Amino acid sequence: MLFLQSLKISWVLSSMESLFEQTDKIRQQGRRWRKTRNIIVLVLFFGLIVWLGIQYYYPFSKGVITGKLSFLAPIGLIYKTYEGKLIQPDNQSSEDGEIASNEFKFSVAKKRIAVQLAQSGGKTVELHYTEYFRALPWRGYSRYVVDEIVFMTENKEIKEVEIIADRTNVKKSDLIIKK
């Protein structure tokens, strides 16, 4: 009888050791899974941060645009940004004698530039802009942000002569500008 009890005890002890080994293996597998899961979450998080940074802070394009300033005003409840419209004359029209126009909506990055633009209403201006993928509230409502005034003129006849010369295939030097 004593022998049977010792066999039972040894069997229970061996099965308990195997249970401890199995639970230890399960714990190690769980640790590996948590480590893998944490690495995946960190990679996704940093990927999201990089994607958002590119969408909102990386310039998509830069360029210069020319036209007549039509509108410029401070807009916004929390962030007051200067928003404006520039009218560009289009040389291609649908009917003879009609000149179509395009509107270019933009935001102004600096108050100093906005003040200069506000004083130049109706003038022909050449603006340097940066285009972003998305707009930010404190940068403006438009994806196009004007950061520099390249050129500003009051001479309206120069642009009219260029449009007439382009439409009639006449050299610009052959046209006489009358004042």
C-alpha atoms as a PDB file:
ATOM      1  CA  MET A   1       0.000   0.000   0.000  1.00  0.00           C
ATOM      2  CA  LEU A   2       2.775   2.313   0.787  1.00  0.00           C
ATOM      3  CA  PHE A   3       4.239   1.520  -2.572  1.00  0.00           C
ATOM      4  CA  LEU A   4       1.000   2.538  -4.371  1.00  0.00           C
ATOM      5  CA  GLN A   5       0.848   5.793  -2.466  1.00  0.00           C
ATOM      6  CA  SER A   6       4.400   6.617  -3.426  1.00  0.00           C
ATOM      7  CA  LEU A   7       3.559   5.860  -7.102  1.00  0.00           C
ATOM      8  CA  LYS A   8       0.565   8.165  -6.918  1.00  0.00           C
ATOM      9  CA  ILE A   9       2.633  10.913  -5.358  1.00  0.00           C
ATOM     10  CA  SER A  10       5.418  10.520  -7.931  1.00  0.00           C
ATOM     11  CA  TRP A  11       2.853  10.515 -10.743  1.00  0.00           C
ATOM     12  CA  VAL A  12       1.187  13.658  -9.356  1.00  0.00           C
ATOM     13  CA  LEU A  13       4.562  15.332  -8.956  1.00  0.00           C
ATOM     14  CA  SER A  14       5.642  14.455 -12.493  1.00  0.00           C
ATOM     15  CA  SER A  15       2.340  15.647 -13.917  1.00  0.00           C
ATOM     16  CA  MET A  16       2.657  18.874 -11.897  1.00  0.00           C
ATOM     17  CA  GLU A  17       6.141  19.401 -13.312  1.00  0.00           C
ATOM     18  CA  SER A  18       4.845  18.867 -16.807  1.00  0.00           C
ATOM     19  CA  LEU A  19       2.020  21.345 -16.069  1.00  0.00           C
ATOM     20  CA  PHE A  20       4.578  23.885 -14.850  1.00  0.00           C
ATOM     21  CA  GLU A  21       6.620  23.361 -18.014  1.00  0.00           C
ATOM     22  CA  GLN A  22       3.540  23.749 -20.204  1.00  0.00           C
ATOM     23  CA  THR A  23       2.435  26.933 -18.453  1.00  0.00           C
ATOM     24  CA  ASP A  24       5.979  28.277 -18.724  1.00  0.00           C
ATOM     25  CA  LYS A  25       5.955  27.580 -22.480  1.00  0.00           C
ATOM     26  CA  ILE A  26       2.586  29.307 -22.798  1.00  0.00           C
ATOM     27  CA  ARG A  27       3.924  32.318 -20.881  1.00  0.00           C
ATOM     28  CA  GLN A  28       6.940  32.528 -23.178  1.00  0.00           C
ATOM     29  CA  GLN A  29       4.714  32.358 -26.244  1.00  0.00           C
ATOM     30  CA  GLY A  30       2.519  35.092 -24.743  1.00  0.00           C
ATOM     31  CA  ARG A  31       5.583  37.268 -24.138  1.00  0.00           C
ATOM     32  CA  ARG A  32       6.707  36.793 -27.756  1.00  0.00           C
ATOM     33  CA  TRP A  33       3.220  37.702 -29.007  1.00  0.00           C
ATOM     34  CA  ARG A  34       3.082  40.836 -26.821  1.00  0.00           C
ATOM     35  CA  LYS A  35       6.531  41.880 -28.016  1.00  0.00           C
ATOM     36  CA  THR A  36       5.530  41.373 -31.673  1.00  0.00           C
ATOM     37  CA  ARG A  37       2.235  43.195 -31.109  1.00  0.00           C
ATOM     38  CA  ASN A  38       4.032  46.144 -29.448  1.00  0.00           C
ATOM     39  CA  ILE A  39       6.518  46.413 -32.316  1.00  0.00           C
ATOM     40  CA  ILE A  40       3.690  46.380 -34.880  1.00  0.00           C
ATOM     41  CA  VAL A  41       1.774  49.060 -32.947  1.00  0.00           C
ATOM     42  CA  LEU A  42       4.895  51.263 -32.712  1.00  0.00           C
ATOM     43  CA  VAL A  43       5.627  50.912 -36.439  1.00  0.00           C
ATOM     44  CA  LEU A  44       2.003  51.809 -37.296  1.00  0.00           C
ATOM     45  CA  PHE A  45       2.084  54.771 -34.888  1.00  0.00           C
ATOM     46  CA  PHE A  46       5.302  56.187 -36.339  1.00  0.00           C
ATOM     47  CA  GLY A  47       3.987  55.542 -39.863  1.00  0.00           C
ATOM     48  CA  LEU A  48       0.875  57.571 -39.025  1.00  0.00           C
ATOM     49  CA  ILE A  49       3.006  60.409 -37.604  1.00  0.00           C
ATOM     50  CA  VAL A  50       5.153  60.492 -40.774  1.00  0.00           C
ATOM     51  CA  TRP A  51       2.051  60.397 -43.033  1.00  0.00           C
ATOM     52  CA  LEU A  52       0.402  63.272 -41.137  1.00  0.00           C
ATOM     53  CA  GLY A  53       3.632  65.254 -41.230  1.00  0.00           C
ATOM     54  CA  ILE A  54       3.836  64.870 -44.999  1.00  0.00           C
ATOM     55  CA  GLN A  55       0.151  65.725 -45.500  1.00  0.00           C
ATOM     56  CA  TYR A  56       0.239  68.937 -43.449  1.00  0.00           C
ATOM     57  CA  TYR A  57       3.833  70.212 -43.443  1.00  0.00           C
ATOM     58  CA  TYR A  58       5.626  68.947 -46.568  1.00  0.00           C
ATOM     59  CA  PRO A  59       5.297  71.348 -49.536  1.00  0.00           C
ATOM     60  CA  PHE A  60       3.665  69.683 -52.532  1.00  0.00           C
ATOM     61  CA  SER A  61       4.773  72.366 -54.983  1.00  0.00           C
ATOM     62  CA  LYS A  62       6.039  75.929 -55.177  1.00  0.00           C
ATOM     63  CA  GLY A  63       5.362  78.438 -57.894  1.00  0.00           C
ATOM     64  CA  VAL A  64       4.693  81.977 -59.040  1.00  0.00           C
ATOM     65  CA  ILE A  65       1.300  83.219 -60.177  1.00  0.00           C
ATOM     66  CA  THR A  66       0.282  86.532 -61.757  1.00  0.00           C
ATOM     67  CA  GLY A  67      -3.073  88.262 -61.722  1.00  0.00           C
ATOM     68  CA  LYS A  68      -5.157  91.074 -60.296  1.00  0.00           C
ATOM     69  CA  LEU A  69      -5.906  91.063 -56.608  1.00  0.00           C
ATOM     70  CA  SER A  70      -9.645  90.838 -56.157  1.00  0.00           C
ATOM     71  CA  PHE A  71     -10.191  90.137 -52.475  1.00  0.00           C
ATOM     72  CA  LEU A  72      -8.170  90.003 -49.249  1.00  0.00           C
ATOM     73  CA  ALA A  73      -9.641  89.818 -45.753  1.00  0.00           C
ATOM     74  CA  PRO A  74      -8.890  88.381 -42.309  1.00  0.00           C
ATOM     75  CA  ILE A  75     -11.123  85.342 -41.747  1.00  0.00           C
ATOM     76  CA  GLY A  76     -11.578  82.956 -38.828  1.00  0.00           C
ATOM     77  CA  LEU A  77     -13.000  82.664 -35.339  1.00  0.00           C
ATOM     78  CA  ILE A  78     -10.005  81.353 -33.400  1.00  0.00           C
ATOM     79  CA  TYR A  79      -7.156  81.762 -35.883  1.00  0.00           C
ATOM     80  CA  LYS A  80      -7.368  84.983 -37.903  1.00  0.00           C
ATOM     81  CA  THR A  81      -5.788  84.234 -41.261  1.00  0.00           C
ATOM     82  CA  TYR A  82      -5.724  86.399 -44.356  1.00  0.00           C
ATOM     83  CA  GLU A  83      -7.570  84.829 -47.273  1.00  0.00           C
ATOM     84  CA  GLY A  84      -7.569  86.249 -50.766  1.00  0.00           C
ATOM     85  CA  LYS A  85      -8.530  85.780 -54.405  1.00  0.00           C
ATOM     86  CA  LEU A  86      -6.458  86.562 -57.451  1.00  0.00           C
ATOM     87  CA  ILE A  87      -8.105  86.860 -60.881  1.00  0.00           C
ATOM     88  CA  GLN A  88      -6.010  85.518 -63.723  1.00  0.00           C
ATOM     89  CA  PRO A  89      -6.852  86.497 -67.295  1.00  0.00           C
ATOM     90  CA  ASP A  90      -7.141  83.485 -69.587  1.00  0.00           C
ATOM     91  CA  ASN A  91      -5.997  83.772 -73.204  1.00  0.00           C
ATOM     92  CA  GLN A  92      -8.217  80.916 -74.378  1.00  0.00           C
ATOM     93  CA  SER A  93     -11.866  81.921 -74.601  1.00  0.00           C
ATOM     94  CA  SER A  94     -14.916  80.087 -75.787  1.00  0.00           C
ATOM     95  CA  GLU A  95     -16.226  82.909 -78.027  1.00  0.00           C
ATOM     96  CA  ASP A  96     -14.487  85.606 -80.071  1.00  0.00           C
ATOM     97  CA  GLY A  97     -13.875  88.799 -78.168  1.00  0.00           C
ATOM     98  CA  GLU A  98     -14.588  87.257 -74.782  1.00  0.00           C
ATOM     99  CA  ILE A  99     -11.841  86.825 -72.220  1.00  0.00           C
ATOM    100  CA  ALA A 100     -12.452  84.215 -69.525  1.00  0.00           C
ATOM    101  CA  SER A 101     -10.882  84.469 -66.082  1.00  0.00           C
ATOM    102  CA  ASN A 102      -9.740  82.036 -63.434  1.00  0.00           C
ATOM    103  CA  GLU A 103      -9.847  82.590 -59.693  1.00  0.00           C
ATOM    104  CA  PHE A 104      -6.896  81.593 -57.545  1.00  0.00           C
ATOM    105  CA  LYS A 105      -7.821  81.328 -53.849  1.00  0.00           C
ATOM    106  CA  PHE A 106      -4.950  81.615 -51.404  1.00  0.00           C
ATOM    107  CA  SER A 107      -3.942  82.217 -47.790  1.00  0.00           C
ATOM    108  CA  VAL A 108      -1.233  84.636 -46.685  1.00  0.00           C
ATOM    109  CA  ALA A 109       1.485  83.367 -44.358  1.00  0.00           C
ATOM    110  CA  LYS A 110       2.679  86.651 -42.839  1.00  0.00           C
ATOM    111  CA  LYS A 111       0.829  89.757 -41.709  1.00  0.00           C
ATOM    112  CA  ARG A 112       3.451  92.018 -43.340  1.00  0.00           C
ATOM    113  CA  ILE A 113       2.675  90.513 -46.761  1.00  0.00           C
ATOM    114  CA  ALA A 114      -1.077  90.774 -46.125  1.00  0.00           C
ATOM    115  CA  VAL A 115      -0.749  94.504 -45.357  1.00  0.00           C
ATOM    116  CA  GLN A 116       1.214  95.072 -48.587  1.00  0.00           C
ATOM    117  CA  LEU A 117      -1.389  93.136 -50.569  1.00  0.00           C
ATOM    118  CA  ALA A 118      -4.268  95.028 -48.917  1.00  0.00           C
ATOM    119  CA  GLN A 119      -2.737  98.288 -50.143  1.00  0.00           C
ATOM    120  CA  SER A 120      -2.458  96.955 -53.695  1.00  0.00           C
ATOM    121  CA  GLY A 121      -6.117  96.186 -54.436  1.00  0.00           C
ATOM    122  CA  GLY A 122      -6.832  96.109 -58.186  1.00  0.00           C
ATOM    123  CA  LYS A 123      -3.150  96.075 -59.149  1.00  0.00           C
ATOM    124  CA  THR A 124      -1.450  93.342 -61.103  1.00  0.00           C
ATOM    125  CA  VAL A 125       0.675  91.329 -58.690  1.00  0.00           C
ATOM    126  CA  GLU A 126       3.023  88.395 -59.042  1.00  0.00           C
ATOM    127  CA  LEU A 127       2.973  86.160 -55.967  1.00  0.00           C
ATOM    128  CA  HIS A 128       5.197  83.287 -54.861  1.00  0.00           C
ATOM    129  CA  TYR A 129       3.153  80.498 -53.271  1.00  0.00           C
ATOM    130  CA  THR A 130       3.665  77.105 -51.650  1.00  0.00           C
ATOM    131  CA  GLU A 131       1.089  74.355 -52.100  1.00  0.00           C
ATOM    132  CA  TYR A 132       0.535  71.785 -49.359  1.00  0.00           C
ATOM    133  CA  PHE A 133      -1.459  68.551 -49.504  1.00  0.00           C
ATOM    134  CA  ARG A 134      -3.833  69.777 -46.769  1.00  0.00           C
ATOM    135  CA  ALA A 135      -4.639  73.062 -45.027  1.00  0.00           C
ATOM    136  CA  LEU A 136      -4.104  73.818 -41.339  1.00  0.00           C
ATOM    137  CA  PRO A 137      -6.392  76.204 -39.405  1.00  0.00           C
ATOM    138  CA  TRP A 138      -3.539  78.454 -38.206  1.00  0.00           C
ATOM    139  CA  ARG A 139      -1.957  78.546 -41.686  1.00  0.00           C
ATOM    140  CA  GLY A 140      -5.166  79.346 -43.571  1.00  0.00           C
ATOM    141  CA  TYR A 141      -8.175  77.734 -45.191  1.00  0.00           C
ATOM    142  CA  SER A 142      -6.469  77.228 -48.537  1.00  0.00           C
ATOM    143  CA  ARG A 143      -3.819  74.708 -49.554  1.00  0.00           C
ATOM    144  CA  TYR A 144      -2.029  77.559 -51.368  1.00  0.00           C
ATOM    145  CA  VAL A 145      -0.020  79.792 -49.027  1.00  0.00           C
ATOM    146  CA  VAL A 146       1.491  83.022 -50.384  1.00  0.00           C
ATOM    147  CA  ASP A 147       4.844  83.709 -48.774  1.00  0.00           C
ATOM    148  CA  GLU A 148       6.302  86.466 -50.951  1.00  0.00           C
ATOM    149  CA  ILE A 149       5.328  89.288 -53.309  1.00  0.00           C
ATOM    150  CA  VAL A 150       7.575  88.980 -56.343  1.00  0.00           C
ATOM    151  CA  PHE A 151       6.328  91.941 -58.383  1.00  0.00           C
ATOM    152  CA  MET A 152       3.581  94.556 -58.196  1.00  0.00           C
ATOM    153  CA  THR A 153       2.552  97.022 -60.915  1.00  0.00           C
ATOM    154  CA  GLU A 154      -0.178  99.531 -61.646  1.00  0.00           C
ATOM    155  CA  ASN A 155       0.398  99.406 -65.401  1.00  0.00           C
ATOM    156  CA  LYS A 156      -2.737  97.646 -66.605  1.00  0.00           C
ATOM    157  CA  GLU A 157      -2.007  98.260 -70.298  1.00  0.00           C
ATOM    158  CA  ILE A 158       1.026  95.943 -70.400  1.00  0.00           C
ATOM    159  CA  LYS A 159      -1.084  92.877 -69.627  1.00  0.00           C
ATOM    160  CA  GLU A 160      -3.760  93.983 -72.097  1.00  0.00           C
ATOM    161  CA  VAL A 161      -1.129  94.319 -74.837  1.00  0.00           C
ATOM    162  CA  GLU A 162       0.223  90.847 -74.041  1.00  0.00           C
ATOM    163  CA  ILE A 163      -3.284  89.360 -74.271  1.00  0.00           C
ATOM    164  CA  ILE A 164      -4.017  91.120 -77.561  1.00  0.00           C
ATOM    165  CA  ALA A 165      -0.644  90.051 -78.999  1.00  0.00           C
ATOM    166  CA  ASP A 166      -1.201  86.447 -77.981  1.00  0.00           C
ATOM    167  CA  ARG A 167      -4.695  86.313 -79.495  1.00  0.00           C
ATOM    168  CA  THR A 168      -3.841  88.060 -82.778  1.00  0.00           C
ATOM    169  CA  ASN A 169      -0.383  86.524 -83.380  1.00  0.00           C
ATOM    170  CA  VAL A 170       1.165  90.010 -83.599  1.00  0.00           C
ATOM    171  CA  LYS A 171       4.549  90.856 -82.108  1.00  0.00           C
ATOM    172  CA  LYS A 172       4.287  92.757 -78.851  1.00  0.00           C
ATOM    173  CA  SER A 173       6.782  95.328 -80.083  1.00  0.00           C
ATOM    174  CA  ASP A 174       4.536  96.146 -83.076  1.00  0.00           C
ATOM    175  CA  LEU A 175       1.645  97.209 -80.839  1.00  0.00           C
ATOM    176  CA  ILE A 176       1.623 100.860 -79.766  1.00  0.00           C
ATOM    177  CA  ILE A 177       0.550 101.623 -76.221  1.00  0.00           C
ATOM    178  CA  LYS A 178      -1.488 104.832 -76.034  1.00  0.00           C
ATOM    179  CA  LYS A 179      -1.750 106.656 -72.728  1.00  0.00           C
END
